[in-house]
PDB file of N, CA and C in Angstrom:
ATOM      1  N   MET A   1    -105.090 -51.582 165.985  1.00  0.00           N
ATOM      2  CA  MET A   1    -106.157 -51.277 165.249  1.00  0.00           C
ATOM      3  C   MET A   1    -106.224 -50.160 164.202  1.00  0.00           C
ATOM      4  N   ARG A   2    -105.545 -49.163 164.788  1.00  0.00           N
ATOM      5  CA  ARG A   2    -105.302 -48.128 163.978  1.00  0.00           C
ATOM      6  C   ARG A   2    -104.366 -48.417 162.969  1.00  0.00           C
ATOM      7  N   ASP A   3    -103.274 -49.062 162.937  1.00  0.00           N
ATOM      8  CA  ASP A   3    -102.244 -49.492 161.909  1.00  0.00           C
ATOM      9  C   ASP A   3    -103.084 -50.350 160.929  1.00  0.00           C
ATOM     10  N   GLY A   4    -103.975 -51.302 161.423  1.00  0.00           N
ATOM     11  CA  GLY A   4    -104.680 -52.186 160.473  1.00  0.00           C
ATOM     12  C   GLY A   4    -105.581 -51.291 159.575  1.00  0.00           C
ATOM     13  N   LEU A   5    -106.194 -50.303 160.177  1.00  0.00           N
ATOM     14  CA  LEU A   5    -107.181 -49.181 159.235  1.00  0.00           C
ATOM     15  C   LEU A   5    -106.368 -48.473 158.262  1.00  0.00           C
ATOM     16  N   ALA A   6    -105.075 -48.100 158.660  1.00  0.00           N
ATOM     17  CA  ALA A   6    -104.097 -47.294 158.019  1.00  0.00           C
ATOM     18  C   ALA A   6    -103.796 -48.105 156.704  1.00  0.00           C
ATOM     19  N   GLY A   7    -103.514 -49.441 157.102  1.00  0.00           N
ATOM     20  CA  GLY A   7    -103.262 -50.348 156.028  1.00  0.00           C
ATOM     21  C   GLY A   7    -104.108 -50.540 154.882  1.00  0.00           C
ATOM     22  N   VAL A   8    -105.460 -50.800 155.329  1.00  0.00           N
ATOM     23  CA  VAL A   8    -106.438 -50.964 154.513  1.00  0.00           C
ATOM     24  C   VAL A   8    -106.793 -49.596 153.814  1.00  0.00           C
ATOM     25  N   ALA A   9    -106.753 -48.582 154.315  1.00  0.00           N
ATOM     26  CA  ALA A   9    -106.853 -47.160 153.663  1.00  0.00           C
ATOM     27  C   ALA A   9    -105.900 -47.247 152.594  1.00  0.00           C
ATOM     28  N   ALA A  10    -104.533 -47.562 152.729  1.00  0.00           N
ATOM     29  CA  ALA A  10    -103.549 -47.375 151.772  1.00  0.00           C
ATOM     30  C   ALA A  10    -103.795 -48.248 150.722  1.00  0.00           C
ATOM     31  N   THR A  11    -104.183 -49.741 151.122  1.00  0.00           N
ATOM     32  CA  THR A  11    -104.448 -50.433 149.749  1.00  0.00           C
ATOM     33  C   THR A  11    -105.629 -49.890 149.030  1.00  0.00           C
ATOM     34  N   VAL A  12    -106.773 -49.555 149.633  1.00  0.00           N
ATOM     35  CA  VAL A  12    -107.859 -49.064 148.662  1.00  0.00           C
ATOM     36  C   VAL A  12    -107.344 -47.694 148.003  1.00  0.00           C
ATOM     37  N   PHE A  13    -106.489 -46.801 148.754  1.00  0.00           N
ATOM     38  CA  PHE A  13    -105.793 -45.725 147.744  1.00  0.00           C
ATOM     39  C   PHE A  13    -105.051 -46.122 146.416  1.00  0.00           C
ATOM     40  N   ILE A  14    -104.199 -47.134 146.821  1.00  0.00           N
ATOM     41  CA  ILE A  14    -103.370 -47.906 145.657  1.00  0.00           C
ATOM     42  C   ILE A  14    -104.152 -48.334 144.562  1.00  0.00           C
ATOM     43  N   ALA A  15    -105.135 -49.132 144.998  1.00  0.00           N
ATOM     44  CA  ALA A  15    -106.082 -49.725 143.926  1.00  0.00           C
ATOM     45  C   ALA A  15    -107.135 -48.654 143.214  1.00  0.00           C
ATOM     46  N   THR A  16    -107.326 -47.759 143.961  1.00  0.00           N
ATOM     47  CA  THR A  16    -108.064 -46.567 143.159  1.00  0.00           C
ATOM     48  C   THR A  16    -107.356 -45.864 142.191  1.00  0.00           C
ATOM     49  N   ALA A  17    -106.029 -45.581 142.768  1.00  0.00           N
ATOM     50  CA  ALA A  17    -105.258 -44.770 141.801  1.00  0.00           C
ATOM     51  C   ALA A  17    -104.626 -45.941 140.627  1.00  0.00           C
ATOM     52  N   ALA A  18    -104.560 -47.062 140.935  1.00  0.00           N
ATOM     53  CA  ALA A  18    -104.178 -47.869 139.715  1.00  0.00           C
ATOM     54  C   ALA A  18    -105.375 -47.935 138.799  1.00  0.00           C
ATOM     55  N   PHE A  19    -106.429 -48.011 139.212  1.00  0.00           N
ATOM     56  CA  PHE A  19    -107.951 -47.975 138.450  1.00  0.00           C
ATOM     57  C   PHE A  19    -107.912 -46.724 137.335  1.00  0.00           C
ATOM     58  N   ALA A  20    -107.589 -45.603 138.218  1.00  0.00           N
ATOM     59  CA  ALA A  20    -107.707 -44.299 137.365  1.00  0.00           C
ATOM     60  C   ALA A  20    -106.629 -44.298 136.383  1.00  0.00           C
ATOM     61  N   ALA A  21    -105.448 -44.817 136.786  1.00  0.00           N
ATOM     62  CA  ALA A  21    -104.286 -44.488 135.828  1.00  0.00           C
ATOM     63  C   ALA A  21    -104.503 -45.119 134.588  1.00  0.00           C
ATOM     64  N   GLY A  22    -105.076 -46.404 134.369  1.00  0.00           N
ATOM     65  CA  GLY A  22    -105.418 -47.186 133.407  1.00  0.00           C
ATOM     66  C   GLY A  22    -106.486 -46.897 132.547  1.00  0.00           C
ATOM     67  N   LYS A  23    -107.629 -46.034 133.231  1.00  0.00           N
ATOM     68  CA  LYS A  23    -108.779 -45.823 132.438  1.00  0.00           C
ATOM     69  C   LYS A  23    -108.575 -44.680 131.447  1.00  0.00           C
ATOM     70  N   LEU A  24    -109.185 -44.924 130.344  1.00  0.00           N
ATOM     71  CA  LEU A  24    -109.191 -44.170 129.109  1.00  0.00           C
ATOM     72  C   LEU A  24    -110.033 -42.935 129.297  1.00  0.00           C
ATOM     73  N   THR A  25    -109.684 -41.782 129.022  1.00  0.00           N
ATOM     74  CA  THR A  25    -110.719 -40.717 128.716  1.00  0.00           C
ATOM     75  C   THR A  25    -111.611 -40.864 127.549  1.00  0.00           C
ATOM     76  N   PRO A  26    -112.830 -40.210 127.532  1.00  0.00           N
ATOM     77  CA  PRO A  26    -113.598 -40.263 126.602  1.00  0.00           C
ATOM     78  C   PRO A  26    -113.027 -40.083 125.161  1.00  0.00           C
ATOM     79  N   ASN A  27    -111.936 -38.960 125.030  1.00  0.00           N
ATOM     80  CA  ASN A  27    -111.266 -38.660 124.083  1.00  0.00           C
ATOM     81  C   ASN A  27    -110.216 -39.664 123.354  1.00  0.00           C
ATOM     82  N   GLU A  28    -109.700 -40.456 124.577  1.00  0.00           N
ATOM     83  CA  GLU A  28    -108.944 -41.566 124.137  1.00  0.00           C
ATOM     84  C   GLU A  28    -109.695 -42.801 123.605  1.00  0.00           C
ATOM     85  N   ILE A  29    -110.727 -42.911 124.246  1.00  0.00           N
ATOM     86  CA  ILE A  29    -111.724 -44.012 123.679  1.00  0.00           C
ATOM     87  C   ILE A  29    -112.023 -43.834 122.099  1.00  0.00           C
ATOM     88  N   GLN A  30    -112.410 -42.477 121.879  1.00  0.00           N
ATOM     89  CA  GLN A  30    -112.843 -42.070 120.579  1.00  0.00           C
ATOM     90  C   GLN A  30    -111.683 -42.318 119.670  1.00  0.00           C
ATOM     91  N   SER A  31    -110.479 -41.622 120.057  1.00  0.00           N
ATOM     92  CA  SER A  31    -109.395 -41.767 119.039  1.00  0.00           C
ATOM     93  C   SER A  31    -108.830 -43.116 118.962  1.00  0.00           C
ATOM     94  N   THR A  32    -108.778 -44.079 119.650  1.00  0.00           N
ATOM     95  CA  THR A  32    -108.409 -45.381 119.939  1.00  0.00           C
ATOM     96  C   THR A  32    -109.388 -46.373 118.947  1.00  0.00           C
ATOM     97  N   PHE A  33    -110.539 -46.196 119.502  1.00  0.00           N
ATOM     98  CA  PHE A  33    -111.497 -47.441 118.909  1.00  0.00           C
ATOM     99  C   PHE A  33    -112.631 -46.784 117.964  1.00  0.00           C
ATOM    100  N   PHE A  34    -113.226 -45.634 118.350  1.00  0.00           N
ATOM    101  CA  PHE A  34    -114.447 -45.079 117.477  1.00  0.00           C
ATOM    102  C   PHE A  34    -113.749 -44.136 116.413  1.00  0.00           C
ATOM    103  N   ASN A  35    -112.959 -44.972 115.389  1.00  0.00           N
ATOM    104  CA  ASN A  35    -112.507 -44.297 113.973  1.00  0.00           C
ATOM    105  C   ASN A  35    -112.733 -45.051 112.990  1.00  0.00           C
ATOM    106  N   GLY A  36    -113.667 -46.045 112.975  1.00  0.00           N
ATOM    107  CA  GLY A  36    -114.114 -46.956 111.958  1.00  0.00           C
ATOM    108  C   GLY A  36    -113.157 -47.887 111.565  1.00  0.00           C
ATOM    109  N   GLN A  37    -111.892 -48.211 112.333  1.00  0.00           N
ATOM    110  CA  GLN A  37    -111.238 -49.317 112.201  1.00  0.00           C
ATOM    111  C   GLN A  37    -111.761 -50.678 113.013  1.00  0.00           C
ATOM    112  N   PRO A  38    -111.589 -51.734 112.597  1.00  0.00           N
ATOM    113  CA  PRO A  38    -112.157 -52.955 113.193  1.00  0.00           C
ATOM    114  C   PRO A  38    -111.175 -53.209 114.292  1.00  0.00           C
ATOM    115  N   PHE A  39    -111.758 -53.892 115.483  1.00  0.00           N
ATOM    116  CA  PHE A  39    -111.179 -54.533 116.699  1.00  0.00           C
ATOM    117  C   PHE A  39    -111.779 -55.864 117.018  1.00  0.00           C
ATOM    118  N   THR A  40    -111.191 -56.493 117.936  1.00  0.00           N
ATOM    119  CA  THR A  40    -111.986 -57.669 118.492  1.00  0.00           C
ATOM    120  C   THR A  40    -112.268 -57.540 119.867  1.00  0.00           C
ATOM    121  N   ALA A  41    -113.814 -57.920 120.320  1.00  0.00           N
ATOM    122  CA  ALA A  41    -114.135 -57.701 121.633  1.00  0.00           C
ATOM    123  C   ALA A  41    -114.568 -59.383 121.756  1.00  0.00           C
ATOM    124  N   ALA A  42    -114.211 -59.668 123.126  1.00  0.00           N
ATOM    125  CA  ALA A  42    -114.447 -60.981 123.554  1.00  0.00           C
ATOM    126  C   ALA A  42    -115.394 -60.914 125.146  1.00  0.00           C
ATOM    127  N   THR A  43    -116.286 -61.810 124.972  1.00  0.00           N
ATOM    128  CA  THR A  43    -117.181 -61.741 126.435  1.00  0.00           C
ATOM    129  C   THR A  43    -116.558 -62.496 127.352  1.00  0.00           C
ATOM    130  N   PRO A  44    -116.916 -62.430 128.387  1.00  0.00           N
ATOM    131  CA  PRO A  44    -116.354 -63.498 129.387  1.00  0.00           C
ATOM    132  C   PRO A  44    -116.678 -64.895 129.287  1.00  0.00           C
ATOM    133  N   GLN A  45    -117.767 -65.039 128.561  1.00  0.00           N
ATOM    134  CA  GLN A  45    -117.986 -66.491 127.986  1.00  0.00           C
ATOM    135  C   GLN A  45    -117.332 -66.914 126.647  1.00  0.00           C
ATOM    136  N   GLY A  46    -116.392 -66.124 126.443  1.00  0.00           N
ATOM    137  CA  GLY A  46    -115.699 -66.566 125.049  1.00  0.00           C
ATOM    138  C   GLY A  46    -116.056 -66.397 123.663  1.00  0.00           C
ATOM    139  N   ILE A  47    -117.290 -65.562 123.769  1.00  0.00           N
ATOM    140  CA  ILE A  47    -118.110 -65.201 122.440  1.00  0.00           C
ATOM    141  C   ILE A  47    -117.280 -64.129 121.955  1.00  0.00           C
ATOM    142  N   ARG A  48    -116.661 -64.029 120.649  1.00  0.00           N
ATOM    143  CA  ARG A  48    -115.752 -62.907 119.981  1.00  0.00           C
ATOM    144  C   ARG A  48    -116.478 -62.361 119.120  1.00  0.00           C
ATOM    145  N   TYR A  49    -116.383 -61.175 118.724  1.00  0.00           N
ATOM    146  CA  TYR A  49    -116.869 -60.278 117.681  1.00  0.00           C
ATOM    147  C   TYR A  49    -115.930 -59.325 116.911  1.00  0.00           C
ATOM    148  N   LYS A  50    -116.075 -59.010 115.827  1.00  0.00           N
ATOM    149  CA  LYS A  50    -115.519 -57.774 115.172  1.00  0.00           C
ATOM    150  C   LYS A  50    -116.425 -56.912 115.130  1.00  0.00           C
ATOM    151  N   MET A  51    -115.649 -55.808 115.761  1.00  0.00           N
ATOM    152  CA  MET A  51    -116.597 -54.373 116.335  1.00  0.00           C
ATOM    153  C   MET A  51    -115.810 -53.389 115.457  1.00  0.00           C
ATOM    154  N   VAL A  52    -116.814 -52.692 114.720  1.00  0.00           N
ATOM    155  CA  VAL A  52    -116.512 -51.324 114.165  1.00  0.00           C
ATOM    156  C   VAL A  52    -117.257 -50.046 114.680  1.00  0.00           C
ATOM    157  N   PHE A  53    -116.816 -49.155 115.108  1.00  0.00           N
ATOM    158  CA  PHE A  53    -117.480 -48.131 115.888  1.00  0.00           C
ATOM    159  C   PHE A  53    -116.807 -46.720 115.023  1.00  0.00           C
ATOM    160  N   ARG A  54    -118.060 -46.317 114.084  1.00  0.00           N
ATOM    161  CA  ARG A  54    -117.408 -45.215 113.289  1.00  0.00           C
ATOM    162  C   ARG A  54    -117.658 -43.929 113.735  1.00  0.00           C
ATOM    163  N   ALA A  55    -117.111 -42.987 113.330  1.00  0.00           N
ATOM    164  CA  ALA A  55    -116.820 -41.527 113.809  1.00  0.00           C
ATOM    165  C   ALA A  55    -118.278 -40.895 113.929  1.00  0.00           C
ATOM    166  N   ASP A  56    -119.196 -41.439 112.976  1.00  0.00           N
ATOM    167  CA  ASP A  56    -120.587 -40.775 112.807  1.00  0.00           C
ATOM    168  C   ASP A  56    -121.440 -41.117 114.201  1.00  0.00           C
ATOM    169  N   GLY A  57    -121.215 -42.168 114.879  1.00  0.00           N
ATOM    170  CA  GLY A  57    -121.998 -42.270 116.074  1.00  0.00           C
ATOM    171  C   GLY A  57    -122.527 -43.909 115.844  1.00  0.00           C
ATOM    172  N   LYS A  58    -122.299 -44.489 114.644  1.00  0.00           N
ATOM    173  CA  LYS A  58    -122.952 -45.757 114.513  1.00  0.00           C
ATOM    174  C   LYS A  58    -121.638 -46.691 114.860  1.00  0.00           C
ATOM    175  N   MET A  59    -122.347 -48.004 114.980  1.00  0.00           N
ATOM    176  CA  MET A  59    -121.384 -49.203 115.252  1.00  0.00           C
ATOM    177  C   MET A  59    -122.027 -50.442 114.664  1.00  0.00           C
ATOM    178  N   THR A  60    -121.338 -51.490 114.504  1.00  0.00           N
ATOM    179  CA  THR A  60    -121.625 -52.923 114.016  1.00  0.00           C
ATOM    180  C   THR A  60    -120.887 -53.826 114.942  1.00  0.00           C
ATOM    181  N   ARG A  61    -121.198 -54.888 114.925  1.00  0.00           N
ATOM    182  CA  ARG A  61    -120.641 -56.184 115.329  1.00  0.00           C
ATOM    183  C   ARG A  61    -120.977 -57.342 114.687  1.00  0.00           C
ATOM    184  N   GLU A  62    -119.903 -58.175 114.376  1.00  0.00           N
ATOM    185  CA  GLU A  62    -120.063 -59.540 113.551  1.00  0.00           C
ATOM    186  C   GLU A  62    -119.435 -60.520 114.492  1.00  0.00           C
ATOM    187  N   PRO A  63    -120.240 -61.692 114.965  1.00  0.00           N
ATOM    188  CA  PRO A  63    -119.590 -62.697 115.562  1.00  0.00           C
ATOM    189  C   PRO A  63    -118.446 -63.394 114.608  1.00  0.00           C
ATOM    190  N   VAL A  64    -117.300 -63.756 115.495  1.00  0.00           N
ATOM    191  CA  VAL A  64    -116.191 -64.410 114.882  1.00  0.00           C
ATOM    192  C   VAL A  64    -116.398 -65.963 115.434  1.00  0.00           C
ATOM    193  N   GLY A  65    -116.924 -66.614 114.477  1.00  0.00           N
ATOM    194  CA  GLY A  65    -117.214 -68.103 114.907  1.00  0.00           C
ATOM    195  C   GLY A  65    -118.745 -68.321 114.808  1.00  0.00           C
ATOM    196  N   LYS A  66    -119.108 -69.135 115.569  1.00  0.00           N
ATOM    197  CA  LYS A  66    -120.508 -69.783 115.562  1.00  0.00           C
ATOM    198  C   LYS A  66    -121.514 -69.162 116.246  1.00  0.00           C
ATOM    199  N   SER A  67    -120.748 -68.545 117.403  1.00  0.00           N
ATOM    200  CA  SER A  67    -121.828 -67.975 118.581  1.00  0.00           C
ATOM    201  C   SER A  67    -121.979 -66.568 118.514  1.00  0.00           C
ATOM    202  N   GLY A  68    -122.849 -66.257 119.017  1.00  0.00           N
ATOM    203  CA  GLY A  68    -123.223 -64.714 118.995  1.00  0.00           C
ATOM    204  C   GLY A  68    -124.051 -64.125 117.976  1.00  0.00           C
ATOM    205  N   ALA A  69    -124.450 -62.885 118.137  1.00  0.00           N
ATOM    206  CA  ALA A  69    -125.524 -62.301 117.119  1.00  0.00           C
ATOM    207  C   ALA A  69    -124.954 -60.944 116.497  1.00  0.00           C
ATOM    208  N   LYS A  70    -124.997 -60.788 115.205  1.00  0.00           N
ATOM    209  CA  LYS A  70    -124.737 -59.665 114.471  1.00  0.00           C
ATOM    210  C   LYS A  70    -125.805 -58.499 114.991  1.00  0.00           C
ATOM    211  N   SER A  71    -125.169 -57.493 114.981  1.00  0.00           N
ATOM    212  CA  SER A  71    -126.185 -56.231 115.336  1.00  0.00           C
ATOM    213  C   SER A  71    -125.599 -55.013 114.929  1.00  0.00           C
ATOM    214  N   GLU A  72    -126.405 -53.926 115.107  1.00  0.00           N
ATOM    215  CA  GLU A  72    -126.018 -52.447 114.760  1.00  0.00           C
ATOM    216  C   GLU A  72    -126.386 -51.670 115.812  1.00  0.00           C
ATOM    217  N   GLY A  73    -126.007 -50.507 115.967  1.00  0.00           N
ATOM    218  CA  GLY A  73    -126.541 -49.478 117.138  1.00  0.00           C
ATOM    219  C   GLY A  73    -125.846 -48.218 116.784  1.00  0.00           C
ATOM    220  N   THR A  74    -125.806 -47.482 118.084  1.00  0.00           N
ATOM    221  CA  THR A  74    -125.186 -46.335 118.286  1.00  0.00           C
ATOM    222  C   THR A  74    -124.331 -45.975 119.541  1.00  0.00           C
ATOM    223  N   TRP A  75    -123.413 -45.118 119.320  1.00  0.00           N
ATOM    224  CA  TRP A  75    -122.544 -44.973 120.379  1.00  0.00           C
ATOM    225  C   TRP A  75    -122.292 -43.401 120.706  1.00  0.00           C
ATOM    226  N   LYS A  76    -122.212 -43.003 122.114  1.00  0.00           N
ATOM    227  CA  LYS A  76    -121.923 -41.705 122.428  1.00  0.00           C
ATOM    228  C   LYS A  76    -121.068 -41.571 123.297  1.00  0.00           C
ATOM    229  N   LEU A  77    -120.240 -40.492 123.528  1.00  0.00           N
ATOM    230  CA  LEU A  77    -119.294 -40.463 124.667  1.00  0.00           C
ATOM    231  C   LEU A  77    -119.932 -40.095 125.969  1.00  0.00           C
ATOM    232  N   SER A  78    -119.594 -40.359 127.051  1.00  0.00           N
ATOM    233  CA  SER A  78    -120.094 -39.810 128.411  1.00  0.00           C
ATOM    234  C   SER A  78    -119.036 -39.305 129.213  1.00  0.00           C
ATOM    235  N   LYS A  79    -119.443 -38.883 130.301  1.00  0.00           N
ATOM    236  CA  LYS A  79    -118.634 -38.210 131.184  1.00  0.00           C
ATOM    237  C   LYS A  79    -117.313 -39.129 131.549  1.00  0.00           C
ATOM    238  N   ASP A  80    -117.529 -40.427 131.791  1.00  0.00           N
ATOM    239  CA  ASP A  80    -116.687 -41.601 132.266  1.00  0.00           C
ATOM    240  C   ASP A  80    -116.157 -42.498 131.137  1.00  0.00           C
ATOM    241  N   GLY A  81    -116.741 -42.144 130.079  1.00  0.00           N
ATOM    242  CA  GLY A  81    -116.420 -43.233 129.103  1.00  0.00           C
ATOM    243  C   GLY A  81    -117.331 -43.118 127.935  1.00  0.00           C
ATOM    244  N   TYR A  82    -117.956 -44.409 127.474  1.00  0.00           N
ATOM    245  CA  TYR A  82    -118.897 -44.274 126.427  1.00  0.00           C
ATOM    246  C   TYR A  82    -120.363 -44.859 126.777  1.00  0.00           C
ATOM    247  N   CYS A  83    -121.322 -44.704 125.913  1.00  0.00           N
ATOM    248  CA  CYS A  83    -122.497 -45.444 126.059  1.00  0.00           C
ATOM    249  C   CYS A  83    -122.841 -46.107 124.783  1.00  0.00           C
ATOM    250  N   THR A  84    -123.410 -47.059 124.801  1.00  0.00           N
ATOM    251  CA  THR A  84    -124.112 -47.632 123.414  1.00  0.00           C
ATOM    252  C   THR A  84    -125.488 -48.085 123.632  1.00  0.00           C
ATOM    253  N   THR A  85    -126.268 -48.224 122.588  1.00  0.00           N
ATOM    254  CA  THR A  85    -127.398 -48.475 122.407  1.00  0.00           C
ATOM    255  C   THR A  85    -127.652 -49.350 121.184  1.00  0.00           C
ATOM    256  N   TRP A  86    -127.776 -50.870 121.339  1.00  0.00           N
ATOM    257  CA  TRP A  86    -127.766 -51.840 120.208  1.00  0.00           C
ATOM    258  C   TRP A  86    -129.110 -51.778 119.713  1.00  0.00           C
ATOM    259  N   LYS A  87    -129.472 -52.293 118.505  1.00  0.00           N
ATOM    260  CA  LYS A  87    -130.788 -52.271 117.999  1.00  0.00           C
ATOM    261  C   LYS A  87    -131.540 -53.018 119.121  1.00  0.00           C
ATOM    262  N   ASN A  88    -132.941 -52.630 119.158  1.00  0.00           N
ATOM    263  CA  ASN A  88    -133.643 -53.544 120.304  1.00  0.00           C
ATOM    264  C   ASN A  88    -133.392 -53.614 121.825  1.00  0.00           C
ATOM    265  N   ASP A  89    -132.531 -52.662 122.219  1.00  0.00           N
ATOM    266  CA  ASP A  89    -131.914 -52.972 123.640  1.00  0.00           C
ATOM    267  C   ASP A  89    -132.025 -51.404 124.068  1.00  0.00           C
ATOM    268  N   ARG A  90    -131.642 -51.293 125.413  1.00  0.00           N
ATOM    269  CA  ARG A  90    -131.483 -50.090 126.273  1.00  0.00           C
ATOM    270  C   ARG A  90    -130.259 -49.643 126.120  1.00  0.00           C
ATOM    271  N   GLN A  91    -129.796 -48.604 126.579  1.00  0.00           N
ATOM    272  CA  GLN A  91    -128.735 -47.748 126.573  1.00  0.00           C
ATOM    273  C   GLN A  91    -127.743 -48.577 127.821  1.00  0.00           C
ATOM    274  N   ASN A  92    -126.480 -48.676 127.543  1.00  0.00           N
ATOM    275  CA  ASN A  92    -125.617 -49.168 128.511  1.00  0.00           C
ATOM    276  C   ASN A  92    -124.376 -48.224 128.715  1.00  0.00           C
ATOM    277  N   CYS A  93    -123.886 -48.009 129.823  1.00  0.00           N
ATOM    278  CA  CYS A  93    -122.738 -47.161 129.568  1.00  0.00           C
ATOM    279  C   CYS A  93    -121.496 -47.871 130.180  1.00  0.00           C
ATOM    280  N   PHE A  94    -120.288 -47.582 129.680  1.00  0.00           N
ATOM    281  CA  PHE A  94    -118.980 -48.277 130.205  1.00  0.00           C
ATOM    282  C   PHE A  94    -117.532 -47.394 130.542  1.00  0.00           C
ATOM    283  N   ALA A  95    -116.698 -47.743 131.001  1.00  0.00           N
ATOM    284  CA  ALA A  95    -115.450 -47.343 131.030  1.00  0.00           C
ATOM    285  C   ALA A  95    -114.715 -48.217 130.372  1.00  0.00           C
ATOM    286  N   VAL A  96    -113.489 -47.779 129.975  1.00  0.00           N
ATOM    287  CA  VAL A  96    -112.535 -48.600 129.421  1.00  0.00           C
ATOM    288  C   VAL A  96    -111.013 -48.377 130.096  1.00  0.00           C
ATOM    289  N   LEU A  97    -110.638 -49.710 130.599  1.00  0.00           N
ATOM    290  CA  LEU A  97    -109.245 -49.714 131.188  1.00  0.00           C
ATOM    291  C   LEU A  97    -108.086 -50.389 130.337  1.00  0.00           C
ATOM    292  N   ASN A  98    -107.091 -49.907 129.987  1.00  0.00           N
ATOM    293  CA  ASN A  98    -106.006 -50.373 129.680  1.00  0.00           C
ATOM    294  C   ASN A  98    -105.218 -51.374 130.523  1.00  0.00           C
ATOM    295  N   THR A  99    -105.314 -52.649 129.975  1.00  0.00           N
ATOM    296  CA  THR A  99    -104.908 -53.789 131.159  1.00  0.00           C
ATOM    297  C   THR A  99    -103.616 -54.402 130.774  1.00  0.00           C
ATOM    298  N   ALA A 100    -103.244 -54.087 129.347  1.00  0.00           N
ATOM    299  CA  ALA A 100    -102.068 -54.553 128.920  1.00  0.00           C
ATOM    300  C   ALA A 100    -101.690 -54.028 127.379  1.00  0.00           C
ATOM    301  N   ASP A 101    -100.574 -54.469 126.978  1.00  0.00           N
ATOM    302  CA  ASP A 101    -100.406 -53.814 125.346  1.00  0.00           C
ATOM    303  C   ASP A 101    -101.350 -54.335 124.570  1.00  0.00           C
ATOM    304  N   ASN A 102    -102.392 -53.377 123.789  1.00  0.00           N
ATOM    305  CA  ASN A 102    -103.303 -53.804 123.046  1.00  0.00           C
ATOM    306  C   ASN A 102    -104.273 -54.578 123.444  1.00  0.00           C
ATOM    307  N   LYS A 103    -104.751 -54.370 124.898  1.00  0.00           N
ATOM    308  CA  LYS A 103    -105.837 -55.230 125.751  1.00  0.00           C
ATOM    309  C   LYS A 103    -106.335 -54.136 126.646  1.00  0.00           C
ATOM    310  N   TRP A 104    -107.702 -54.275 126.587  1.00  0.00           N
ATOM    311  CA  TRP A 104    -108.339 -53.152 127.258  1.00  0.00           C
ATOM    312  C   TRP A 104    -109.406 -54.094 127.946  1.00  0.00           C
ATOM    313  N   SER A 105    -110.009 -53.689 129.084  1.00  0.00           N
ATOM    314  CA  SER A 105    -111.191 -54.169 130.061  1.00  0.00           C
ATOM    315  C   SER A 105    -112.397 -53.238 129.537  1.00  0.00           C
ATOM    316  N   ILE A 106    -113.585 -53.676 129.409  1.00  0.00           N
ATOM    317  CA  ILE A 106    -114.905 -52.778 129.361  1.00  0.00           C
ATOM    318  C   ILE A 106    -115.527 -53.126 130.545  1.00  0.00           C
ATOM    319  N   MET A 107    -115.520 -51.971 131.428  1.00  0.00           N
ATOM    320  CA  MET A 107    -116.310 -52.281 132.494  1.00  0.00           C
ATOM    321  C   MET A 107    -117.619 -51.408 132.594  1.00  0.00           C
ATOM    322  N   LYS A 108    -118.662 -52.143 133.271  1.00  0.00           N
ATOM    323  CA  LYS A 108    -119.863 -51.565 133.717  1.00  0.00           C
ATOM    324  C   LYS A 108    -119.838 -51.792 135.162  1.00  0.00           C
ATOM    325  N   GLY A 109    -119.550 -50.467 135.792  1.00  0.00           N
ATOM    326  CA  GLY A 109    -119.276 -50.417 137.138  1.00  0.00           C
ATOM    327  C   GLY A 109    -117.990 -50.994 137.500  1.00  0.00           C
ATOM    328  N   THR A 110    -118.009 -52.213 138.432  1.00  0.00           N
ATOM    329  CA  THR A 110    -116.756 -52.690 138.705  1.00  0.00           C
ATOM    330  C   THR A 110    -116.618 -54.066 138.082  1.00  0.00           C
ATOM    331  N   THR A 111    -117.709 -54.406 137.196  1.00  0.00           N
ATOM    332  CA  THR A 111    -117.710 -55.682 136.467  1.00  0.00           C
ATOM    333  C   THR A 111    -117.127 -55.582 135.145  1.00  0.00           C
ATOM    334  N   ALA A 112    -115.994 -56.570 134.929  1.00  0.00           N
ATOM    335  CA  ALA A 112    -115.498 -56.613 133.420  1.00  0.00           C
ATOM    336  C   ALA A 112    -116.644 -57.346 132.350  1.00  0.00           C
ATOM    337  N   VAL A 113    -116.915 -56.753 131.593  1.00  0.00           N
ATOM    338  CA  VAL A 113    -117.924 -57.240 130.617  1.00  0.00           C
ATOM    339  C   VAL A 113    -117.566 -57.863 129.221  1.00  0.00           C
ATOM    340  N   ALA A 114    -116.352 -57.101 128.950  1.00  0.00           N
ATOM    341  CA  ALA A 114    -115.683 -57.737 127.643  1.00  0.00           C
ATOM    342  C   ALA A 114    -114.245 -57.319 127.550  1.00  0.00           C
ATOM    343  N   THR A 115    -113.566 -57.810 126.667  1.00  0.00           N
ATOM    344  CA  THR A 115    -111.983 -57.637 126.526  1.00  0.00           C
ATOM    345  C   THR A 115    -112.223 -56.963 124.997  1.00  0.00           C
ATOM    346  N   TRP A 116    -111.387 -55.936 125.072  1.00  0.00           N
ATOM    347  CA  TRP A 116    -111.015 -55.481 123.307  1.00  0.00           C
ATOM    348  C   TRP A 116    -109.627 -55.706 123.105  1.00  0.00           C
ATOM    349  N   THR A 117    -109.131 -55.947 122.194  1.00  0.00           N
ATOM    350  CA  THR A 117    -107.859 -56.263 121.427  1.00  0.00           C
ATOM    351  C   THR A 117    -107.727 -55.687 120.103  1.00  0.00           C
ATOM    352  N   LYS A 118    -106.577 -55.162 119.899  1.00  0.00           N
ATOM    353  CA  LYS A 118    -106.069 -54.591 118.541  1.00  0.00           C
ATOM    354  C   LYS A 118    -105.057 -55.477 117.997  1.00  0.00           C
TER     355      LYS A 118
END
């Protein structure tokens, strides 16, 4: 029983360490994405957007294709990542995980809500 618990604890520790190692700091998020340069975001449903987060705290999104809605809003860095407020919506906060070369998962808690690529 004790060996089984130790194995579970080791697995949880390794998964937590991997999560922390790939997580971008707020400053890394700002320098990588919030610099006025466009990048692509895709939802789990496959809707793609051209995103632009400007250094002045403003952001825009434009659909790439026929699905999705154009919008604008504001962003700010948070302790664990960043928060956004899209026009006519409430604030949401996220973490950014580097999952592969030029590919990041946008996490709301433990749920991936988008994938960003450059």
